[in-house]
PDB file of N, CA and C in Angstrom:
ATOM      1  N   MET A   1     141.622 257.803  51.894  1.00  0.00           N
ATOM      2  CA  MET A   1     140.314 257.217  52.030  1.00  0.00           C
ATOM      3  C   MET A   1     139.927 257.220  53.501  1.00  0.00           C
ATOM      4  N   SER A   2     138.785 257.766  53.824  1.00  0.00           N
ATOM      5  CA  SER A   2     138.353 257.826  55.215  1.00  0.00           C
ATOM      6  C   SER A   2     137.626 256.543  55.610  1.00  0.00           C
ATOM      7  N   GLU A   3     137.703 256.246  56.878  1.00  0.00           N
ATOM      8  CA  GLU A   3     137.065 255.045  57.421  1.00  0.00           C
ATOM      9  C   GLU A   3     135.620 255.357  57.773  1.00  0.00           C
ATOM     10  N   LEU A   4     134.697 254.536  57.316  1.00  0.00           N
ATOM     11  CA  LEU A   4     133.285 254.708  57.636  1.00  0.00           C
ATOM     12  C   LEU A   4     133.021 254.059  58.986  1.00  0.00           C
ATOM     13  N   LYS A   5     132.403 254.793  59.862  1.00  0.00           N
ATOM     14  CA  LYS A   5     132.079 254.269  61.185  1.00  0.00           C
ATOM     15  C   LYS A   5     130.641 254.646  61.498  1.00  0.00           C
ATOM     16  N   ILE A   6     129.848 253.657  61.856  1.00  0.00           N
ATOM     17  CA  ILE A   6     128.460 253.889  62.222  1.00  0.00           C
ATOM     18  C   ILE A   6     128.319 253.539  63.692  1.00  0.00           C
ATOM     19  N   THR A   7     127.761 254.425  64.461  1.00  0.00           N
ATOM     20  CA  THR A   7     127.565 254.168  65.882  1.00  0.00           C
ATOM     21  C   THR A   7     126.132 254.473  66.272  1.00  0.00           C
ATOM     22  N   GLU A   8     125.720 253.864  67.349  1.00  0.00           N
ATOM     23  CA  GLU A   8     124.399 254.082  67.930  1.00  0.00           C
ATOM     24  C   GLU A   8     124.605 254.065  69.433  1.00  0.00           C
ATOM     25  N   SER A   9     123.925 254.905  70.148  1.00  0.00           N
ATOM     26  CA  SER A   9     124.033 254.862  71.600  1.00  0.00           C
ATOM     27  C   SER A   9     122.664 255.075  72.224  1.00  0.00           C
ATOM     28  N   ARG A  10     122.519 254.533  73.402  1.00  0.00           N
ATOM     29  CA  ARG A  10     121.299 254.735  74.176  1.00  0.00           C
ATOM     30  C   ARG A  10     121.585 254.401  75.626  1.00  0.00           C
ATOM     31  N   ASP A  11     120.794 254.958  76.492  1.00  0.00           N
ATOM     32  CA  ASP A  11     120.908 254.664  77.919  1.00  0.00           C
ATOM     33  C   ASP A  11     119.990 253.500  78.249  1.00  0.00           C
ATOM     34  N   ILE A  12     120.525 252.542  78.966  1.00  0.00           N
ATOM     35  CA  ILE A  12     119.753 251.377  79.396  1.00  0.00           C
ATOM     36  C   ILE A  12     119.856 251.306  80.916  1.00  0.00           C
ATOM     37  N   ASN A  13     118.737 251.286  81.575  1.00  0.00           N
ATOM     38  CA  ASN A  13     118.703 251.299  83.033  1.00  0.00           C
ATOM     39  C   ASN A  13     118.955 249.893  83.590  1.00  0.00           C
ATOM     40  N   THR A  14     120.152 249.385  83.341  1.00  0.00           N
ATOM     41  CA  THR A  14     120.588 248.065  83.806  1.00  0.00           C
ATOM     42  C   THR A  14     122.077 248.160  84.083  1.00  0.00           C
ATOM     43  N   PRO A  15     122.562 247.478  85.113  1.00  0.00           N
ATOM     44  CA  PRO A  15     124.005 247.527  85.397  1.00  0.00           C
ATOM     45  C   PRO A  15     124.837 247.043  84.200  1.00  0.00           C
ATOM     46  N   ALA A  16     125.961 247.706  83.955  1.00  0.00           N
ATOM     47  CA  ALA A  16     126.845 247.352  82.835  1.00  0.00           C
ATOM     48  C   ALA A  16     127.280 245.892  82.908  1.00  0.00           C
ATOM     49  N   THR A  17     127.499 245.361  84.095  1.00  0.00           N
ATOM     50  CA  THR A  17     127.934 243.965  84.219  1.00  0.00           C
ATOM     51  C   THR A  17     126.881 243.012  83.664  1.00  0.00           C
ATOM     52  N   ARG A  18     125.627 243.326  83.862  1.00  0.00           N
ATOM     53  CA  ARG A  18     124.549 242.460  83.359  1.00  0.00           C
ATOM     54  C   ARG A  18     124.456 242.530  81.830  1.00  0.00           C
ATOM     55  N   ILE A  19     124.542 243.729  81.287  1.00  0.00           N
ATOM     56  CA  ILE A  19     124.504 243.906  79.834  1.00  0.00           C
ATOM     57  C   ILE A  19     125.699 243.213  79.197  1.00  0.00           C
ATOM     58  N   PHE A  20     126.875 243.425  79.792  1.00  0.00           N
ATOM     59  CA  PHE A  20     128.090 242.840  79.222  1.00  0.00           C
ATOM     60  C   PHE A  20     128.046 241.314  79.253  1.00  0.00           C
ATOM     61  N   SER A  21     127.560 240.718  80.330  1.00  0.00           N
ATOM     62  CA  SER A  21     127.502 239.254  80.395  1.00  0.00           C
ATOM     63  C   SER A  21     126.556 238.705  79.331  1.00  0.00           C
ATOM     64  N   PHE A  22     125.507 239.443  79.015  1.00  0.00           N
ATOM     65  CA  PHE A  22     124.593 239.058  77.937  1.00  0.00           C
ATOM     66  C   PHE A  22     125.323 239.099  76.589  1.00  0.00           C
ATOM     67  N   LEU A  23     126.058 240.184  76.324  1.00  0.00           N
ATOM     68  CA  LEU A  23     126.750 240.356  75.048  1.00  0.00           C
ATOM     69  C   LEU A  23     127.959 239.427  74.904  1.00  0.00           C
ATOM     70  N   ALA A  24     128.545 239.004  76.014  1.00  0.00           N
ATOM     71  CA  ALA A  24     129.698 238.101  75.969  1.00  0.00           C
ATOM     72  C   ALA A  24     129.278 236.647  75.779  1.00  0.00           C
ATOM     73  N   ASP A  25     127.979 236.400  75.705  1.00  0.00           N
ATOM     74  CA  ASP A  25     127.454 235.049  75.497  1.00  0.00           C
ATOM     75  C   ASP A  25     126.922 234.932  74.070  1.00  0.00           C
ATOM     76  N   PRO A  26     127.675 234.279  73.170  1.00  0.00           N
ATOM     77  CA  PRO A  26     127.223 234.179  71.773  1.00  0.00           C
ATOM     78  C   PRO A  26     125.831 233.563  71.609  1.00  0.00           C
ATOM     79  N   ALA A  27     125.400 232.744  72.540  1.00  0.00           N
ATOM     80  CA  ALA A  27     124.063 232.142  72.457  1.00  0.00           C
ATOM     81  C   ALA A  27     122.965 233.205  72.553  1.00  0.00           C
ATOM     82  N   MET A  28     123.283 234.364  73.100  1.00  0.00           N
ATOM     83  CA  MET A  28     122.304 235.437  73.244  1.00  0.00           C
ATOM     84  C   MET A  28     122.266 236.374  72.029  1.00  0.00           C
ATOM     85  N   HIS A  29     123.254 236.304  71.154  1.00  0.00           N
ATOM     86  CA  HIS A  29     123.350 237.230  70.029  1.00  0.00           C
ATOM     87  C   HIS A  29     122.129 237.245  69.106  1.00  0.00           C
ATOM     88  N   PRO A  30     121.452 236.121  68.858  1.00  0.00           N
ATOM     89  CA  PRO A  30     120.249 236.211  68.007  1.00  0.00           C
ATOM     90  C   PRO A  30     119.189 237.152  68.570  1.00  0.00           C
ATOM     91  N   GLN A  31     119.190 237.352  69.885  1.00  0.00           N
ATOM     92  CA  GLN A  31     118.186 238.228  70.500  1.00  0.00           C
ATOM     93  C   GLN A  31     118.461 239.706  70.252  1.00  0.00           C
ATOM     94  N   VAL A  32     119.709 240.051  69.902  1.00  0.00           N
ATOM     95  CA  VAL A  32     120.025 241.457  69.628  1.00  0.00           C
ATOM     96  C   VAL A  32     120.330 241.713  68.156  1.00  0.00           C
ATOM     97  N   ASP A  33     120.294 240.669  67.333  1.00  0.00           N
ATOM     98  CA  ASP A  33     120.544 240.806  65.901  1.00  0.00           C
ATOM     99  C   ASP A  33     119.317 241.401  65.221  1.00  0.00           C
ATOM    100  N   GLY A  34     119.457 242.573  64.663  1.00  0.00           N
ATOM    101  CA  GLY A  34     118.331 243.235  64.014  1.00  0.00           C
ATOM    102  C   GLY A  34     118.071 242.783  62.591  1.00  0.00           C
ATOM    103  N   THR A  35     118.948 241.956  62.029  1.00  0.00           N
ATOM    104  CA  THR A  35     118.801 241.552  60.633  1.00  0.00           C
ATOM    105  C   THR A  35     117.977 240.284  60.466  1.00  0.00           C
ATOM    106  N   GLY A  36     117.903 239.457  61.511  1.00  0.00           N
ATOM    107  CA  GLY A  36     117.236 238.166  61.400  1.00  0.00           C
ATOM    108  C   GLY A  36     118.107 237.109  60.743  1.00  0.00           C
ATOM    109  N   MET A  37     119.349 237.442  60.436  1.00  0.00           N
ATOM    110  CA  MET A  37     120.256 236.504  59.765  1.00  0.00           C
ATOM    111  C   MET A  37     120.936 235.540  60.749  1.00  0.00           C
ATOM    112  N   LEU A  38     121.145 235.969  61.983  1.00  0.00           N
ATOM    113  CA  LEU A  38     121.853 235.155  62.958  1.00  0.00           C
ATOM    114  C   LEU A  38     120.887 234.139  63.564  1.00  0.00           C
ATOM    115  N   ARG A  39     121.214 232.847  63.408  1.00  0.00           N
ATOM    116  CA  ARG A  39     120.305 231.801  63.874  1.00  0.00           C
ATOM    117  C   ARG A  39     120.669 231.272  65.253  1.00  0.00           C
ATOM    118  N   SER A  40     121.938 230.908  65.473  1.00  0.00           N
ATOM    119  CA  SER A  40     122.323 230.344  66.776  1.00  0.00           C
ATOM    120  C   SER A  40     123.833 230.299  66.907  1.00  0.00           C
ATOM    121  N   ALA A  41     124.287 230.185  68.154  1.00  0.00           N
ATOM    122  CA  ALA A  41     125.712 229.979  68.418  1.00  0.00           C
ATOM    123  C   ALA A  41     126.042 228.523  68.130  1.00  0.00           C
ATOM    124  N   VAL A  42     127.227 228.275  67.587  1.00  0.00           N
ATOM    125  CA  VAL A  42     127.649 226.908  67.293  1.00  0.00           C
ATOM    126  C   VAL A  42     128.073 226.202  68.573  1.00  0.00           C
ATOM    127  N   GLU A  43     128.783 226.903  69.437  1.00  0.00           N
ATOM    128  CA  GLU A  43     129.168 226.327  70.728  1.00  0.00           C
ATOM    129  C   GLU A  43     128.712 227.273  71.831  1.00  0.00           C
ATOM    130  N   ASN A  44     128.683 226.784  73.034  1.00  0.00           N
ATOM    131  CA  ASN A  44     128.136 227.550  74.153  1.00  0.00           C
ATOM    132  C   ASN A  44     129.234 227.978  75.126  1.00  0.00           C
ATOM    133  N   ARG A  45     130.168 228.817  74.666  1.00  0.00           N
ATOM    134  CA  ARG A  45     131.239 229.326  75.514  1.00  0.00           C
ATOM    135  C   ARG A  45     131.179 230.844  75.545  1.00  0.00           C
ATOM    136  N   PRO A  46     131.237 231.447  76.727  1.00  0.00           N
ATOM    137  CA  PRO A  46     131.259 232.912  76.774  1.00  0.00           C
ATOM    138  C   PRO A  46     132.602 233.451  76.268  1.00  0.00           C
ATOM    139  N   ILE A  47     132.559 234.644  75.739  1.00  0.00           N
ATOM    140  CA  ILE A  47     133.754 235.350  75.283  1.00  0.00           C
ATOM    141  C   ILE A  47     134.455 235.902  76.519  1.00  0.00           C
ATOM    142  N   SER A  48     135.793 235.738  76.602  1.00  0.00           N
ATOM    143  CA  SER A  48     136.480 236.183  77.806  1.00  0.00           C
ATOM    144  C   SER A  48     137.739 237.000  77.559  1.00  0.00           C
ATOM    145  N   LYS A  49     138.207 237.076  76.275  1.00  0.00           N
ATOM    146  CA  LYS A  49     139.447 237.820  76.038  1.00  0.00           C
ATOM    147  C   LYS A  49     139.647 238.044  74.541  1.00  0.00           C
ATOM    148  N   VAL A  50     140.540 238.996  74.230  1.00  0.00           N
ATOM    149  CA  VAL A  50     140.956 239.195  72.847  1.00  0.00           C
ATOM    150  C   VAL A  50     141.602 237.898  72.375  1.00  0.00           C
ATOM    151  N   GLY A  51     141.309 237.515  71.158  1.00  0.00           N
ATOM    152  CA  GLY A  51     141.846 236.275  70.610  1.00  0.00           C
ATOM    153  C   GLY A  51     140.854 235.123  70.649  1.00  0.00           C
ATOM    154  N   ASP A  52     139.816 235.234  71.479  1.00  0.00           N
ATOM    155  CA  ASP A  52     138.773 234.203  71.472  1.00  0.00           C
ATOM    156  C   ASP A  52     138.124 234.166  70.094  1.00  0.00           C
ATOM    157  N   VAL A  53     137.644 232.996  69.719  1.00  0.00           N
ATOM    158  CA  VAL A  53     136.926 232.816  68.459  1.00  0.00           C
ATOM    159  C   VAL A  53     135.614 232.119  68.778  1.00  0.00           C
ATOM    160  N   PHE A  54     134.517 232.665  68.283  1.00  0.00           N
ATOM    161  CA  PHE A  54     133.225 232.011  68.455  1.00  0.00           C
ATOM    162  C   PHE A  54     132.528 231.953  67.103  1.00  0.00           C
ATOM    163  N   SER A  55     131.796 230.886  66.877  1.00  0.00           N
ATOM    164  CA  SER A  55     131.118 230.685  65.599  1.00  0.00           C
ATOM    165  C   SER A  55     129.613 230.743  65.782  1.00  0.00           C
ATOM    166  N   VAL A  56     128.952 231.310  64.772  1.00  0.00           N
ATOM    167  CA  VAL A  56     127.498 231.380  64.790  1.00  0.00           C
ATOM    168  C   VAL A  56     126.949 230.904  63.449  1.00  0.00           C
ATOM    169  N   SER A  57     125.779 230.290  63.497  1.00  0.00           N
ATOM    170  CA  SER A  57     125.062 229.872  62.286  1.00  0.00           C
ATOM    171  C   SER A  57     124.286 231.061  61.763  1.00  0.00           C
ATOM    172  N   MET A  58     124.412 231.297  60.465  1.00  0.00           N
ATOM    173  CA  MET A  58     123.764 232.427  59.821  1.00  0.00           C
ATOM    174  C   MET A  58     122.906 231.927  58.659  1.00  0.00           C
ATOM    175  N   THR A  59     121.995 232.781  58.203  1.00  0.00           N
ATOM    176  CA  THR A  59     121.244 232.509  56.987  1.00  0.00           C
ATOM    177  C   THR A  59     121.116 233.810  56.205  1.00  0.00           C
ATOM    178  N   HIS A  60     121.125 233.708  54.894  1.00  0.00           N
ATOM    179  CA  HIS A  60     121.049 234.882  54.028  1.00  0.00           C
ATOM    180  C   HIS A  60     120.270 234.494  52.779  1.00  0.00           C
ATOM    181  N   TRP A  61     119.450 235.381  52.269  1.00  0.00           N
ATOM    182  CA  TRP A  61     118.606 235.053  51.116  1.00  0.00           C
ATOM    183  C   TRP A  61     119.425 234.606  49.906  1.00  0.00           C
ATOM    184  N   ALA A  62     120.618 235.164  49.698  1.00  0.00           N
ATOM    185  CA  ALA A  62     121.429 234.784  48.538  1.00  0.00           C
ATOM    186  C   ALA A  62     122.449 233.694  48.859  1.00  0.00           C
ATOM    187  N   ARG A  63     123.004 233.717  50.060  1.00  0.00           N
ATOM    188  CA  ARG A  63     124.027 232.748  50.452  1.00  0.00           C
ATOM    189  C   ARG A  63     123.454 231.429  50.934  1.00  0.00           C
ATOM    190  N   GLY A  64     122.258 231.469  51.473  1.00  0.00           N
ATOM    191  CA  GLY A  64     121.716 230.297  52.147  1.00  0.00           C
ATOM    192  C   GLY A  64     122.261 230.244  53.570  1.00  0.00           C
ATOM    193  N   ASN A  65     122.422 229.056  54.094  1.00  0.00           N
ATOM    194  CA  ASN A  65     122.942 228.889  55.453  1.00  0.00           C
ATOM    195  C   ASN A  65     124.468 228.823  55.414  1.00  0.00           C
ATOM    196  N   TYR A  66     125.088 229.418  56.413  1.00  0.00           N
ATOM    197  CA  TYR A  66     126.542 229.393  56.511  1.00  0.00           C
ATOM    198  C   TYR A  66     126.953 229.640  57.961  1.00  0.00           C
ATOM    199  N   ILE A  67     128.228 229.429  58.225  1.00  0.00           N
ATOM    200  CA  ILE A  67     128.798 229.660  59.556  1.00  0.00           C
ATOM    201  C   ILE A  67     129.726 230.866  59.467  1.00  0.00           C
ATOM    202  N   THR A  68     129.658 231.737  60.458  1.00  0.00           N
ATOM    203  CA  THR A  68     130.610 232.833  60.559  1.00  0.00           C
ATOM    204  C   THR A  68     131.472 232.598  61.787  1.00  0.00           C
ATOM    205  N   GLU A  69     132.767 232.643  61.573  1.00  0.00           N
ATOM    206  CA  GLU A  69     133.742 232.526  62.656  1.00  0.00           C
ATOM    207  C   GLU A  69     134.100 233.955  63.056  1.00  0.00           C
ATOM    208  N   ASN A  70     133.936 234.286  64.314  1.00  0.00           N
ATOM    209  CA  ASN A  70     134.142 235.649  64.793  1.00  0.00           C
ATOM    210  C   ASN A  70     135.367 235.717  65.687  1.00  0.00           C
ATOM    211  N   HIS A  71     136.330 236.560  65.311  1.00  0.00           N
ATOM    212  CA  HIS A  71     137.585 236.699  66.046  1.00  0.00           C
ATOM    213  C   HIS A  71     137.514 237.943  66.924  1.00  0.00           C
ATOM    214  N   VAL A  72     137.611 237.749  68.236  1.00  0.00           N
ATOM    215  CA  VAL A  72     137.495 238.856  69.186  1.00  0.00           C
ATOM    216  C   VAL A  72     138.736 239.733  69.075  1.00  0.00           C
ATOM    217  N   VAL A  73     138.521 241.020  68.765  1.00  0.00           N
ATOM    218  CA  VAL A  73     139.614 241.967  68.551  1.00  0.00           C
ATOM    219  C   VAL A  73     139.703 243.034  69.639  1.00  0.00           C
ATOM    220  N   GLU A  74     138.642 243.191  70.414  1.00  0.00           N
ATOM    221  CA  GLU A  74     138.644 244.111  71.556  1.00  0.00           C
ATOM    222  C   GLU A  74     137.883 243.454  72.692  1.00  0.00           C
ATOM    223  N   PHE A  75     138.406 243.575  73.885  1.00  0.00           N
ATOM    224  CA  PHE A  75     137.711 243.035  75.051  1.00  0.00           C
ATOM    225  C   PHE A  75     138.170 243.806  76.282  1.00  0.00           C
ATOM    226  N   GLU A  76     137.257 244.514  76.889  1.00  0.00           N
ATOM    227  CA  GLU A  76     137.488 245.180  78.158  1.00  0.00           C
ATOM    228  C   GLU A  76     136.290 244.825  79.032  1.00  0.00           C
ATOM    229  N   GLN A  77     136.529 244.011  80.044  1.00  0.00           N
ATOM    230  CA  GLN A  77     135.458 243.468  80.882  1.00  0.00           C
ATOM    231  C   GLN A  77     134.475 244.550  81.311  1.00  0.00           C
ATOM    232  N   ASP A  78     133.199 244.273  81.109  1.00  0.00           N
ATOM    233  CA  ASP A  78     132.080 245.139  81.499  1.00  0.00           C
ATOM    234  C   ASP A  78     132.069 246.498  80.791  1.00  0.00           C
ATOM    235  N   ARG A  79     132.850 246.626  79.695  1.00  0.00           N
ATOM    236  CA  ARG A  79     132.908 247.918  79.014  1.00  0.00           C
ATOM    237  C   ARG A  79     132.868 247.821  77.491  1.00  0.00           C
ATOM    238  N   ARG A  80     133.680 246.956  76.896  1.00  0.00           N
ATOM    239  CA  ARG A  80     133.800 246.934  75.439  1.00  0.00           C
ATOM    240  C   ARG A  80     134.074 245.520  74.950  1.00  0.00           C
ATOM    241  N   ILE A  81     133.430 245.180  73.824  1.00  0.00           N
ATOM    242  CA  ILE A  81     133.649 243.884  73.183  1.00  0.00           C
ATOM    243  C   ILE A  81     133.446 244.097  71.678  1.00  0.00           C
ATOM    244  N   ALA A  82     134.371 243.564  70.867  1.00  0.00           N
ATOM    245  CA  ALA A  82     134.248 243.699  69.413  1.00  0.00           C
ATOM    246  C   ALA A  82     134.884 242.490  68.742  1.00  0.00           C
ATOM    247  N   TRP A  83     134.346 242.140  67.567  1.00  0.00           N
ATOM    248  CA  TRP A  83     134.863 240.984  66.839  1.00  0.00           C
ATOM    249  C   TRP A  83     134.860 241.260  65.341  1.00  0.00           C
ATOM    250  N   ALA A  84     135.749 240.551  64.655  1.00  0.00           N
ATOM    251  CA  ALA A  84     135.848 240.624  63.198  1.00  0.00           C
ATOM    252  C   ALA A  84     135.329 239.303  62.637  1.00  0.00           C
ATOM    253  N   PRO A  85     134.250 239.336  61.852  1.00  0.00           N
ATOM    254  CA  PRO A  85     133.699 238.096  61.302  1.00  0.00           C
ATOM    255  C   PRO A  85     134.496 237.588  60.097  1.00  0.00           C
ATOM    256  N   VAL A  86     134.597 236.267  60.015  1.00  0.00           N
ATOM    257  CA  VAL A  86     135.201 235.595  58.869  1.00  0.00           C
ATOM    258  C   VAL A  86     134.162 234.600  58.368  1.00  0.00           C
ATOM    259  N   ALA A  87     133.531 234.906  57.232  1.00  0.00           N
ATOM    260  CA  ALA A  87     132.485 234.041  56.689  1.00  0.00           C
ATOM    261  C   ALA A  87     133.097 232.760  56.155  1.00  0.00           C
ATOM    262  N   GLN A  88     132.474 231.657  56.465  1.00  0.00           N
ATOM    263  CA  GLN A  88     132.923 230.352  55.993  1.00  0.00           C
ATOM    264  C   GLN A  88     132.099 229.942  54.778  1.00  0.00           C
ATOM    265  N   LYS A  89     132.348 228.803  54.236  1.00  0.00           N
ATOM    266  CA  LYS A  89     131.696 228.339  53.008  1.00  0.00           C
ATOM    267  C   LYS A  89     130.173 228.299  53.155  1.00  0.00           C
ATOM    268  N   SER A  90     129.517 228.831  52.137  1.00  0.00           N
ATOM    269  CA  SER A  90     128.068 228.852  52.081  1.00  0.00           C
ATOM    270  C   SER A  90     127.542 227.537  51.521  1.00  0.00           C
ATOM    271  N   GLU A  91     126.294 227.210  51.848  1.00  0.00           N
ATOM    272  CA  GLU A  91     125.693 225.987  51.294  1.00  0.00           C
ATOM    273  C   GLU A  91     125.378 226.135  49.809  1.00  0.00           C
ATOM    274  N   ARG A  92     125.323 227.357  49.320  1.00  0.00           N
ATOM    275  CA  ARG A  92     125.029 227.591  47.898  1.00  0.00           C
ATOM    276  C   ARG A  92     126.331 227.905  47.167  1.00  0.00           C
ATOM    277  N   SER A  93     126.713 227.050  46.265  1.00  0.00           N
ATOM    278  CA  SER A  93     127.993 227.196  45.574  1.00  0.00           C
ATOM    279  C   SER A  93     128.064 228.456  44.716  1.00  0.00           C
ATOM    280  N   GLU A  94     126.927 228.981  44.286  1.00  0.00           N
ATOM    281  CA  GLU A  94     126.936 230.175  43.456  1.00  0.00           C
ATOM    282  C   GLU A  94     127.119 231.456  44.277  1.00  0.00           C
ATOM    283  N   SER A  95     127.123 231.300  45.596  1.00  0.00           N
ATOM    284  CA  SER A  95     127.289 232.453  46.475  1.00  0.00           C
ATOM    285  C   SER A  95     128.670 233.063  46.287  1.00  0.00           C
ATOM    286  N   HIS A  96     128.776 234.368  46.522  1.00  0.00           N
ATOM    287  CA  HIS A  96     130.065 235.041  46.427  1.00  0.00           C
ATOM    288  C   HIS A  96     130.999 234.661  47.569  1.00  0.00           C
ATOM    289  N   CYS A  97     130.491 233.993  48.568  1.00  0.00           N
ATOM    290  CA  CYS A  97     131.298 233.586  49.710  1.00  0.00           C
ATOM    291  C   CYS A  97     131.859 232.191  49.463  1.00  0.00           C
ATOM    292  N   ASN A  98     133.176 232.088  49.345  1.00  0.00           N
ATOM    293  CA  ASN A  98     133.774 230.785  49.097  1.00  0.00           C
ATOM    294  C   ASN A  98     134.566 230.263  50.293  1.00  0.00           C
ATOM    295  N   GLY A  99     134.350 230.835  51.446  1.00  0.00           N
ATOM    296  CA  GLY A  99     134.967 230.343  52.670  1.00  0.00           C
ATOM    297  C   GLY A  99     136.217 231.117  53.033  1.00  0.00           C
ATOM    298  N   GLY A 100     136.362 231.382  54.339  1.00  0.00           N
ATOM    299  CA  GLY A 100     137.528 232.083  54.827  1.00  0.00           C
ATOM    300  C   GLY A 100     137.596 233.543  54.425  1.00  0.00           C
ATOM    301  N   THR A 101     136.473 234.113  54.039  1.00  0.00           N
ATOM    302  CA  THR A 101     136.430 235.493  53.585  1.00  0.00           C
ATOM    303  C   THR A 101     136.337 236.432  54.783  1.00  0.00           C
ATOM    304  N   THR A 102     137.369 237.242  54.986  1.00  0.00           N
ATOM    305  CA  THR A 102     137.350 238.206  56.078  1.00  0.00           C
ATOM    306  C   THR A 102     136.457 239.369  55.693  1.00  0.00           C
ATOM    307  N   GLU A 103     135.535 239.691  56.568  1.00  0.00           N
ATOM    308  CA  GLU A 103     134.639 240.822  56.333  1.00  0.00           C
ATOM    309  C   GLU A 103     135.450 242.121  56.504  1.00  0.00           C
ATOM    310  N   SER A 104     134.974 243.200  55.935  1.00  0.00           N
ATOM    311  CA  SER A 104     135.679 244.474  56.048  1.00  0.00           C
ATOM    312  C   SER A 104     135.142 245.323  57.192  1.00  0.00           C
ATOM    313  N   ARG A 105     134.563 244.659  58.178  1.00  0.00           N
ATOM    314  CA  ARG A 105     134.004 245.404  59.309  1.00  0.00           C
ATOM    315  C   ARG A 105     134.192 244.645  60.604  1.00  0.00           C
ATOM    316  N   TRP A 106     134.043 245.395  61.676  1.00  0.00           N
ATOM    317  CA  TRP A 106     134.011 244.823  63.017  1.00  0.00           C
ATOM    318  C   TRP A 106     132.620 245.090  63.569  1.00  0.00           C
ATOM    319  N   TRP A 107     132.193 244.231  64.459  1.00  0.00           N
ATOM    320  CA  TRP A 107     130.956 244.447  65.200  1.00  0.00           C
ATOM    321  C   TRP A 107     131.336 244.607  66.666  1.00  0.00           C
ATOM    322  N   GLY A 108     130.730 245.525  67.343  1.00  0.00           N
ATOM    323  CA  GLY A 108     131.099 245.716  68.742  1.00  0.00           C
ATOM    324  C   GLY A 108     130.036 246.412  69.565  1.00  0.00           C
ATOM    325  N   TRP A 109     130.237 246.315  70.848  1.00  0.00           N
ATOM    326  CA  TRP A 109     129.330 246.918  71.830  1.00  0.00           C
ATOM    327  C   TRP A 109     130.164 247.602  72.871  1.00  0.00           C
TER     328      TRP A 109
END
């Protein structure tokens, strides 16, 4: 079975350190979320290393509101950052998400 990987790239005329500091701040993630599902960071701590965990408030038409705990799996200062989301219990009991569900994808920049 092959691994599905989707990538996008573009040139941005801004220093990498500035872009990276934006992406390492979970409070800024709603500004780059194209789905409209990400509402806000739960705590206000920047990501600084592999193993960090940050939580964000999410909303979904079927799940309702929920929290996603994101485990940092890649971190290279000013170059690469990636996390594996773990969805927590949804406010709607009929949702397929019953808490602690590891997603089958990573998100990264």
